[in-house]
Amino acid sequence: MTIEICLGSSCHVKGSKKIFALVEKAIKENKLEKKVKIAGTLCLGHCDSDGVNMRIDDEIVLGITEKNFDEMFKTRVLDVIK
């Protein structure tokens, strides 16, 4: 699985560095280093969303915030891998 987090200017302002750090931490805590790759990417073209945007494999996930991160990671990463 590959997670690409938008680091474009709009997502940067919305906290993409913090979301990137949360993804890194969640990958380590769940011992998924061999199963999940994380990378930054340029704009995904959905700048009007309320949070940070990312691509998980081929699916774009919009509006990730610190508040909804845990649920997103559980349903879109943990539940898919395990």
PDB file of N, CA and C in Angstrom:
ATOM      1  N   MET A   1       0.852  -1.176   0.000  1.00  0.00           N
ATOM      2  CA  MET A   1       0.000   0.000   0.000  1.00  0.00           C
ATOM      3  C   MET A   1       0.893   1.233   0.000  1.00  0.00           C
ATOM      4  N   THR A   2       0.490   2.233  -0.765  1.00  0.00           N
ATOM      5  CA  THR A   2       1.218   3.496  -0.816  1.00  0.00           C
ATOM      6  C   THR A   2       0.288   4.628  -0.417  1.00  0.00           C
ATOM      7  N   ILE A   3       0.757   5.464   0.511  1.00  0.00           N
ATOM      8  CA  ILE A   3       0.011   6.641   0.940  1.00  0.00           C
ATOM      9  C   ILE A   3       0.820   7.859   0.503  1.00  0.00           C
ATOM     10  N   GLU A   4       0.192   8.693  -0.335  1.00  0.00           N
ATOM     11  CA  GLU A   4       0.823   9.929  -0.785  1.00  0.00           C
ATOM     12  C   GLU A   4       0.042  11.094  -0.205  1.00  0.00           C
ATOM     13  N   ILE A   5       0.725  11.952   0.530  1.00  0.00           N
ATOM     14  CA  ILE A   5       0.078  13.083   1.183  1.00  0.00           C
ATOM     15  C   ILE A   5       0.390  14.351   0.396  1.00  0.00           C
ATOM     16  N   CYS A   6      -0.649  15.103   0.081  1.00  0.00           N
ATOM     17  CA  CYS A   6      -0.469  16.339  -0.663  1.00  0.00           C
ATOM     18  C   CYS A   6       0.342  17.331   0.163  1.00  0.00           C
ATOM     19  N   LEU A   7       1.390  17.862  -0.460  1.00  0.00           N
ATOM     20  CA  LEU A   7       2.206  18.879   0.184  1.00  0.00           C
ATOM     21  C   LEU A   7       2.111  20.208  -0.557  1.00  0.00           C
ATOM     22  N   GLY A   8       1.102  20.326  -1.413  1.00  0.00           N
ATOM     23  CA  GLY A   8       0.869  21.574  -2.135  1.00  0.00           C
ATOM     24  C   GLY A   8       0.527  22.697  -1.177  1.00  0.00           C
ATOM     25  N   SER A   9       0.516  23.911  -1.689  1.00  0.00           N
ATOM     26  CA  SER A   9       0.363  25.083  -0.819  1.00  0.00           C
ATOM     27  C   SER A   9      -0.940  25.076  -0.025  1.00  0.00           C
ATOM     28  N   SER A  10      -2.046  24.695  -0.634  1.00  0.00           N
ATOM     29  CA  SER A  10      -3.328  24.691   0.078  1.00  0.00           C
ATOM     30  C   SER A  10      -3.308  23.662   1.218  1.00  0.00           C
ATOM     31  N   CYS A  11      -2.849  22.451   0.932  1.00  0.00           N
ATOM     32  CA  CYS A  11      -2.790  21.422   1.984  1.00  0.00           C
ATOM     33  C   CYS A  11      -1.725  21.748   3.027  1.00  0.00           C
ATOM     34  N   HIS A  12      -0.652  22.407   2.590  1.00  0.00           N
ATOM     35  CA  HIS A  12       0.380  22.818   3.543  1.00  0.00           C
ATOM     36  C   HIS A  12      -0.220  23.741   4.597  1.00  0.00           C
ATOM     37  N   VAL A  13      -1.024  24.692   4.151  1.00  0.00           N
ATOM     38  CA  VAL A  13      -1.670  25.637   5.068  1.00  0.00           C
ATOM     39  C   VAL A  13      -2.650  24.905   5.990  1.00  0.00           C
ATOM     40  N   LYS A  14      -3.248  23.823   5.502  1.00  0.00           N
ATOM     41  CA  LYS A  14      -4.236  23.066   6.282  1.00  0.00           C
ATOM     42  C   LYS A  14      -3.592  22.018   7.186  1.00  0.00           C
ATOM     43  N   GLY A  15      -2.257  21.918   7.181  1.00  0.00           N
ATOM     44  CA  GLY A  15      -1.582  21.043   8.133  1.00  0.00           C
ATOM     45  C   GLY A  15      -1.029  19.749   7.581  1.00  0.00           C
ATOM     46  N   SER A  16      -0.607  19.741   6.323  1.00  0.00           N
ATOM     47  CA  SER A  16      -0.120  18.496   5.730  1.00  0.00           C
ATOM     48  C   SER A  16       1.117  17.936   6.441  1.00  0.00           C
ATOM     49  N   LYS A  17       1.955  18.801   6.989  1.00  0.00           N
ATOM     50  CA  LYS A  17       3.130  18.290   7.718  1.00  0.00           C
ATOM     51  C   LYS A  17       2.696  17.504   8.952  1.00  0.00           C
ATOM     52  N   LYS A  18       1.692  17.990   9.649  1.00  0.00           N
ATOM     53  CA  LYS A  18       1.178  17.297  10.834  1.00  0.00           C
ATOM     54  C   LYS A  18       0.534  15.967  10.432  1.00  0.00           C
ATOM     55  N   ILE A  19      -0.236  15.956   9.349  1.00  0.00           N
ATOM     56  CA  ILE A  19      -0.864  14.724   8.884  1.00  0.00           C
ATOM     57  C   ILE A  19       0.206  13.723   8.446  1.00  0.00           C
ATOM     58  N   PHE A  20       1.231  14.203   7.768  1.00  0.00           N
ATOM     59  CA  PHE A  20       2.347  13.340   7.370  1.00  0.00           C
ATOM     60  C   PHE A  20       2.954  12.676   8.604  1.00  0.00           C
ATOM     61  N   ALA A  21       3.179  13.470   9.650  1.00  0.00           N
ATOM     62  CA  ALA A  21       3.744  12.942  10.895  1.00  0.00           C
ATOM     63  C   ALA A  21       2.808  11.923  11.546  1.00  0.00           C
ATOM     64  N   LEU A  22       1.507  12.175  11.502  1.00  0.00           N
ATOM     65  CA  LEU A  22       0.543  11.225  12.070  1.00  0.00           C
ATOM     66  C   LEU A  22       0.557   9.904  11.303  1.00  0.00           C
ATOM     67  N   VAL A  23       0.669   9.976   9.979  1.00  0.00           N
ATOM     68  CA  VAL A  23       0.743   8.749   9.182  1.00  0.00           C
ATOM     69  C   VAL A  23       2.005   7.968   9.533  1.00  0.00           C
ATOM     70  N   GLU A  24       3.140   8.653   9.596  1.00  0.00           N
ATOM     71  CA  GLU A  24       4.395   7.988   9.966  1.00  0.00           C
ATOM     72  C   GLU A  24       4.278   7.301  11.321  1.00  0.00           C
ATOM     73  N   LYS A  25       3.724   8.009  12.288  1.00  0.00           N
ATOM     74  CA  LYS A  25       3.568   7.463  13.639  1.00  0.00           C
ATOM     75  C   LYS A  25       2.643   6.244  13.638  1.00  0.00           C
ATOM     76  N   ALA A  26       1.519   6.336  12.932  1.00  0.00           N
ATOM     77  CA  ALA A  26       0.556   5.226  12.883  1.00  0.00           C
ATOM     78  C   ALA A  26       1.164   3.997  12.197  1.00  0.00           C
ATOM     79  N   ILE A  27       1.952   4.222  11.171  1.00  0.00           N
ATOM     80  CA  ILE A  27       2.617   3.106  10.486  1.00  0.00           C
ATOM     81  C   ILE A  27       3.562   2.401  11.456  1.00  0.00           C
ATOM     82  N   LYS A  28       4.353   3.170  12.178  1.00  0.00           N
ATOM     83  CA  LYS A  28       5.298   2.584  13.141  1.00  0.00           C
ATOM     84  C   LYS A  28       4.586   1.886  14.287  1.00  0.00           C
ATOM     85  N   GLU A  29       3.570   2.530  14.846  1.00  0.00           N
ATOM     86  CA  GLU A  29       2.838   1.943  15.980  1.00  0.00           C
ATOM     87  C   GLU A  29       2.175   0.620  15.622  1.00  0.00           C
ATOM     88  N   ASN A  30       1.760   0.488  14.368  1.00  0.00           N
ATOM     89  CA  ASN A  30       1.086  -0.724  13.917  1.00  0.00           C
ATOM     90  C   ASN A  30       2.021  -1.695  13.196  1.00  0.00           C
ATOM     91  N   LYS A  31       3.327  -1.369  13.235  1.00  0.00           N
ATOM     92  CA  LYS A  31       4.361  -2.213  12.630  1.00  0.00           C
ATOM     93  C   LYS A  31       4.061  -2.540  11.161  1.00  0.00           C
ATOM     94  N   LEU A  32       3.748  -1.492  10.419  1.00  0.00           N
ATOM     95  CA  LEU A  32       3.388  -1.651   9.015  1.00  0.00           C
ATOM     96  C   LEU A  32       4.474  -1.162   8.060  1.00  0.00           C
ATOM     97  N   GLU A  33       5.686  -0.976   8.572  1.00  0.00           N
ATOM     98  CA  GLU A  33       6.761  -0.414   7.764  1.00  0.00           C
ATOM     99  C   GLU A  33       7.025  -1.212   6.485  1.00  0.00           C
ATOM    100  N   LYS A  34       6.821  -2.509   6.517  1.00  0.00           N
ATOM    101  CA  LYS A  34       7.073  -3.341   5.336  1.00  0.00           C
ATOM    102  C   LYS A  34       5.858  -3.431   4.418  1.00  0.00           C
ATOM    103  N   LYS A  35       4.713  -2.955   4.884  1.00  0.00           N
ATOM    104  CA  LYS A  35       3.480  -3.068   4.104  1.00  0.00           C
ATOM    105  C   LYS A  35       2.981  -1.743   3.543  1.00  0.00           C
ATOM    106  N   VAL A  36       3.414  -0.626   4.149  1.00  0.00           N
ATOM    107  CA  VAL A  36       2.900   0.683   3.747  1.00  0.00           C
ATOM    108  C   VAL A  36       4.070   1.626   3.469  1.00  0.00           C
ATOM    109  N   LYS A  37       4.041   2.238   2.287  1.00  0.00           N
ATOM    110  CA  LYS A  37       5.009   3.272   1.930  1.00  0.00           C
ATOM    111  C   LYS A  37       4.317   4.618   2.055  1.00  0.00           C
ATOM    112  N   ILE A  38       5.068   5.621   2.494  1.00  0.00           N
ATOM    113  CA  ILE A  38       4.522   6.963   2.620  1.00  0.00           C
ATOM    114  C   ILE A  38       5.382   7.912   1.799  1.00  0.00           C
ATOM    115  N   ALA A  39       4.722   8.847   1.137  1.00  0.00           N
ATOM    116  CA  ALA A  39       5.433   9.824   0.314  1.00  0.00           C
ATOM    117  C   ALA A  39       4.631  11.115   0.270  1.00  0.00           C
ATOM    118  N   GLY A  40       5.319  12.181  -0.087  1.00  0.00           N
ATOM    119  CA  GLY A  40       4.650  13.440  -0.344  1.00  0.00           C
ATOM    120  C   GLY A  40       4.349  13.535  -1.832  1.00  0.00           C
ATOM    121  N   THR A  41       3.372  14.325  -2.175  1.00  0.00           N
ATOM    122  CA  THR A  41       3.034  14.538  -3.580  1.00  0.00           C
ATOM    123  C   THR A  41       2.624  15.988  -3.770  1.00  0.00           C
ATOM    124  N   LEU A  42       2.665  16.426  -5.000  1.00  0.00           N
ATOM    125  CA  LEU A  42       2.184  17.767  -5.305  1.00  0.00           C
ATOM    126  C   LEU A  42       0.670  17.758  -5.337  1.00  0.00           C
ATOM    127  N   CYS A  43       0.085  18.871  -5.648  1.00  0.00           N
ATOM    128  CA  CYS A  43      -1.364  19.065  -5.583  1.00  0.00           C
ATOM    129  C   CYS A  43      -2.145  17.944  -6.254  1.00  0.00           C
ATOM    130  N   LEU A  44      -3.181  17.476  -5.561  1.00  0.00           N
ATOM    131  CA  LEU A  44      -4.060  16.438  -6.084  1.00  0.00           C
ATOM    132  C   LEU A  44      -5.308  17.035  -6.745  1.00  0.00           C
ATOM    133  N   GLY A  45      -5.410  18.363  -6.753  1.00  0.00           N
ATOM    134  CA  GLY A  45      -6.475  19.031  -7.477  1.00  0.00           C
ATOM    135  C   GLY A  45      -7.806  19.159  -6.770  1.00  0.00           C
ATOM    136  N   HIS A  46      -7.805  19.046  -5.454  1.00  0.00           N
ATOM    137  CA  HIS A  46      -9.058  19.171  -4.688  1.00  0.00           C
ATOM    138  C   HIS A  46      -8.859  20.182  -3.557  1.00  0.00           C
ATOM    139  N   CYS A  47      -8.373  21.330  -3.906  1.00  0.00           N
ATOM    140  CA  CYS A  47      -7.963  22.331  -2.918  1.00  0.00           C
ATOM    141  C   CYS A  47      -9.115  22.903  -2.103  1.00  0.00           C
ATOM    142  N   ASP A  48     -10.348  22.665  -2.520  1.00  0.00           N
ATOM    143  CA  ASP A  48     -11.485  23.225  -1.801  1.00  0.00           C
ATOM    144  C   ASP A  48     -11.960  22.331  -0.655  1.00  0.00           C
ATOM    145  N   SER A  49     -11.307  21.196  -0.411  1.00  0.00           N
ATOM    146  CA  SER A  49     -11.719  20.336   0.701  1.00  0.00           C
ATOM    147  C   SER A  49     -11.349  20.992   2.029  1.00  0.00           C
ATOM    148  N   ASP A  50     -11.961  20.530   3.098  1.00  0.00           N
ATOM    149  CA  ASP A  50     -11.777  21.146   4.408  1.00  0.00           C
ATOM    150  C   ASP A  50     -10.472  20.767   5.106  1.00  0.00           C
ATOM    151  N   GLY A  51      -9.794  19.742   4.648  1.00  0.00           N
ATOM    152  CA  GLY A  51      -8.559  19.312   5.287  1.00  0.00           C
ATOM    153  C   GLY A  51      -7.526  18.948   4.251  1.00  0.00           C
ATOM    154  N   VAL A  52      -6.600  18.109   4.663  1.00  0.00           N
ATOM    155  CA  VAL A  52      -5.501  17.671   3.809  1.00  0.00           C
ATOM    156  C   VAL A  52      -5.983  16.516   2.927  1.00  0.00           C
ATOM    157  N   ASN A  53      -5.496  16.485   1.707  1.00  0.00           N
ATOM    158  CA  ASN A  53      -5.862  15.430   0.771  1.00  0.00           C
ATOM    159  C   ASN A  53      -4.714  14.449   0.612  1.00  0.00           C
ATOM    160  N   MET A  54      -5.062  13.211   0.328  1.00  0.00           N
ATOM    161  CA  MET A  54      -4.038  12.195   0.119  1.00  0.00           C
ATOM    162  C   MET A  54      -4.542  11.165  -0.877  1.00  0.00           C
ATOM    163  N   ARG A  55      -3.609  10.389  -1.381  1.00  0.00           N
ATOM    164  CA  ARG A  55      -3.950   9.281  -2.263  1.00  0.00           C
ATOM    165  C   ARG A  55      -3.488   8.010  -1.570  1.00  0.00           C
ATOM    166  N   ILE A  56      -4.400   7.062  -1.428  1.00  0.00           N
ATOM    167  CA  ILE A  56      -4.063   5.755  -0.877  1.00  0.00           C
ATOM    168  C   ILE A  56      -4.207   4.773  -2.028  1.00  0.00           C
ATOM    169  N   ASP A  57      -3.077   4.252  -2.468  1.00  0.00           N
ATOM    170  CA  ASP A  57      -3.006   3.486  -3.708  1.00  0.00           C
ATOM    171  C   ASP A  57      -3.605   4.340  -4.819  1.00  0.00           C
ATOM    172  N   ASP A  58      -4.718   3.949  -5.406  1.00  0.00           N
ATOM    173  CA  ASP A  58      -5.282   4.728  -6.520  1.00  0.00           C
ATOM    174  C   ASP A  58      -6.485   5.579  -6.115  1.00  0.00           C
ATOM    175  N   GLU A  59      -6.814   5.608  -4.832  1.00  0.00           N
ATOM    176  CA  GLU A  59      -8.000   6.328  -4.370  1.00  0.00           C
ATOM    177  C   GLU A  59      -7.617   7.638  -3.684  1.00  0.00           C
ATOM    178  N   ILE A  60      -8.238   8.719  -4.103  1.00  0.00           N
ATOM    179  CA  ILE A  60      -8.004  10.011  -3.462  1.00  0.00           C
ATOM    180  C   ILE A  60      -8.939  10.132  -2.265  1.00  0.00           C
ATOM    181  N   VAL A  61      -8.361  10.498  -1.124  1.00  0.00           N
ATOM    182  CA  VAL A  61      -9.107  10.673   0.119  1.00  0.00           C
ATOM    183  C   VAL A  61      -9.016  12.156   0.478  1.00  0.00           C
ATOM    184  N   LEU A  62     -10.158  12.783   0.661  1.00  0.00           N
ATOM    185  CA  LEU A  62     -10.211  14.227   0.867  1.00  0.00           C
ATOM    186  C   LEU A  62     -10.512  14.600   2.312  1.00  0.00           C
ATOM    187  N   GLY A  63     -10.000  15.755   2.716  1.00  0.00           N
ATOM    188  CA  GLY A  63     -10.421  16.380   3.967  1.00  0.00           C
ATOM    189  C   GLY A  63      -9.912  15.735   5.242  1.00  0.00           C
ATOM    190  N   ILE A  64      -8.681  15.261   5.252  1.00  0.00           N
ATOM    191  CA  ILE A  64      -8.145  14.632   6.463  1.00  0.00           C
ATOM    192  C   ILE A  64      -7.662  15.722   7.417  1.00  0.00           C
ATOM    193  N   THR A  65      -8.101  15.604   8.669  1.00  0.00           N
ATOM    194  CA  THR A  65      -7.700  16.531   9.725  1.00  0.00           C
ATOM    195  C   THR A  65      -7.194  15.711  10.908  1.00  0.00           C
ATOM    196  N   GLU A  66      -6.619  16.394  11.878  1.00  0.00           N
ATOM    197  CA  GLU A  66      -6.188  15.688  13.095  1.00  0.00           C
ATOM    198  C   GLU A  66      -7.392  15.032  13.770  1.00  0.00           C
ATOM    199  N   LYS A  67      -8.540  15.652  13.658  1.00  0.00           N
ATOM    200  CA  LYS A  67      -9.754  15.170  14.310  1.00  0.00           C
ATOM    201  C   LYS A  67     -10.268  13.859  13.701  1.00  0.00           C
ATOM    202  N   ASN A  68     -10.215  13.740  12.384  1.00  0.00           N
ATOM    203  CA  ASN A  68     -10.752  12.530  11.743  1.00  0.00           C
ATOM    204  C   ASN A  68      -9.678  11.544  11.305  1.00  0.00           C
ATOM    205  N   PHE A  69      -8.420  11.829  11.628  1.00  0.00           N
ATOM    206  CA  PHE A  69      -7.319  10.980  11.164  1.00  0.00           C
ATOM    207  C   PHE A  69      -7.426   9.537  11.649  1.00  0.00           C
ATOM    208  N   ASP A  70      -7.654   9.337  12.936  1.00  0.00           N
ATOM    209  CA  ASP A  70      -7.663   7.978  13.485  1.00  0.00           C
ATOM    210  C   ASP A  70      -8.702   7.090  12.796  1.00  0.00           C
ATOM    211  N   GLU A  71      -9.898   7.608  12.602  1.00  0.00           N
ATOM    212  CA  GLU A  71     -10.949   6.835  11.939  1.00  0.00           C
ATOM    213  C   GLU A  71     -10.577   6.541  10.487  1.00  0.00           C
ATOM    214  N   MET A  72     -10.030   7.546   9.789  1.00  0.00           N
ATOM    215  CA  MET A  72      -9.610   7.335   8.406  1.00  0.00           C
ATOM    216  C   MET A  72      -8.534   6.262   8.332  1.00  0.00           C
ATOM    217  N   PHE A  73      -7.540   6.321   9.210  1.00  0.00           N
ATOM    218  CA  PHE A  73      -6.444   5.353   9.167  1.00  0.00           C
ATOM    219  C   PHE A  73      -6.968   3.953   9.460  1.00  0.00           C
ATOM    220  N   LYS A  74      -7.881   3.845  10.409  1.00  0.00           N
ATOM    221  CA  LYS A  74      -8.444   2.540  10.734  1.00  0.00           C
ATOM    222  C   LYS A  74      -9.195   1.943   9.542  1.00  0.00           C
ATOM    223  N   THR A  75     -10.101   2.723   8.961  1.00  0.00           N
ATOM    224  CA  THR A  75     -10.944   2.163   7.904  1.00  0.00           C
ATOM    225  C   THR A  75     -10.233   2.025   6.566  1.00  0.00           C
ATOM    226  N   ARG A  76      -9.340   2.941   6.257  1.00  0.00           N
ATOM    227  CA  ARG A  76      -8.730   2.937   4.916  1.00  0.00           C
ATOM    228  C   ARG A  76      -7.376   2.253   4.867  1.00  0.00           C
ATOM    229  N   VAL A  77      -6.758   2.021   6.043  1.00  0.00           N
ATOM    230  CA  VAL A  77      -5.462   1.354   6.051  1.00  0.00           C
ATOM    231  C   VAL A  77      -5.520   0.054   6.848  1.00  0.00           C
ATOM    232  N   LEU A  78      -5.775   0.156   8.149  1.00  0.00           N
ATOM    233  CA  LEU A  78      -5.738  -1.036   8.998  1.00  0.00           C
ATOM    234  C   LEU A  78      -6.742  -2.098   8.561  1.00  0.00           C
ATOM    235  N   ASP A  79      -7.999  -1.699   8.340  1.00  0.00           N
ATOM    236  CA  ASP A  79      -9.017  -2.671   7.954  1.00  0.00           C
ATOM    237  C   ASP A  79      -8.728  -3.306   6.599  1.00  0.00           C
ATOM    238  N   VAL A  80      -8.045  -2.589   5.722  1.00  0.00           N
ATOM    239  CA  VAL A  80      -7.723  -3.118   4.400  1.00  0.00           C
ATOM    240  C   VAL A  80      -6.551  -4.086   4.470  1.00  0.00           C
ATOM    241  N   ILE A  81      -5.554  -3.751   5.278  1.00  0.00           N
ATOM    242  CA  ILE A  81      -4.344  -4.583   5.367  1.00  0.00           C
ATOM    243  C   ILE A  81      -4.575  -5.840   6.189  1.00  0.00           C
ATOM    244  N   LYS A  82      -5.340  -5.729   7.279  1.00  0.00           N
ATOM    245  CA  LYS A  82      -5.484  -6.864   8.194  1.00  0.00           C
ATOM    246  C   LYS A  82      -6.658  -7.694   7.917  1.00  0.00           C
TER     247      LYS A  82
END
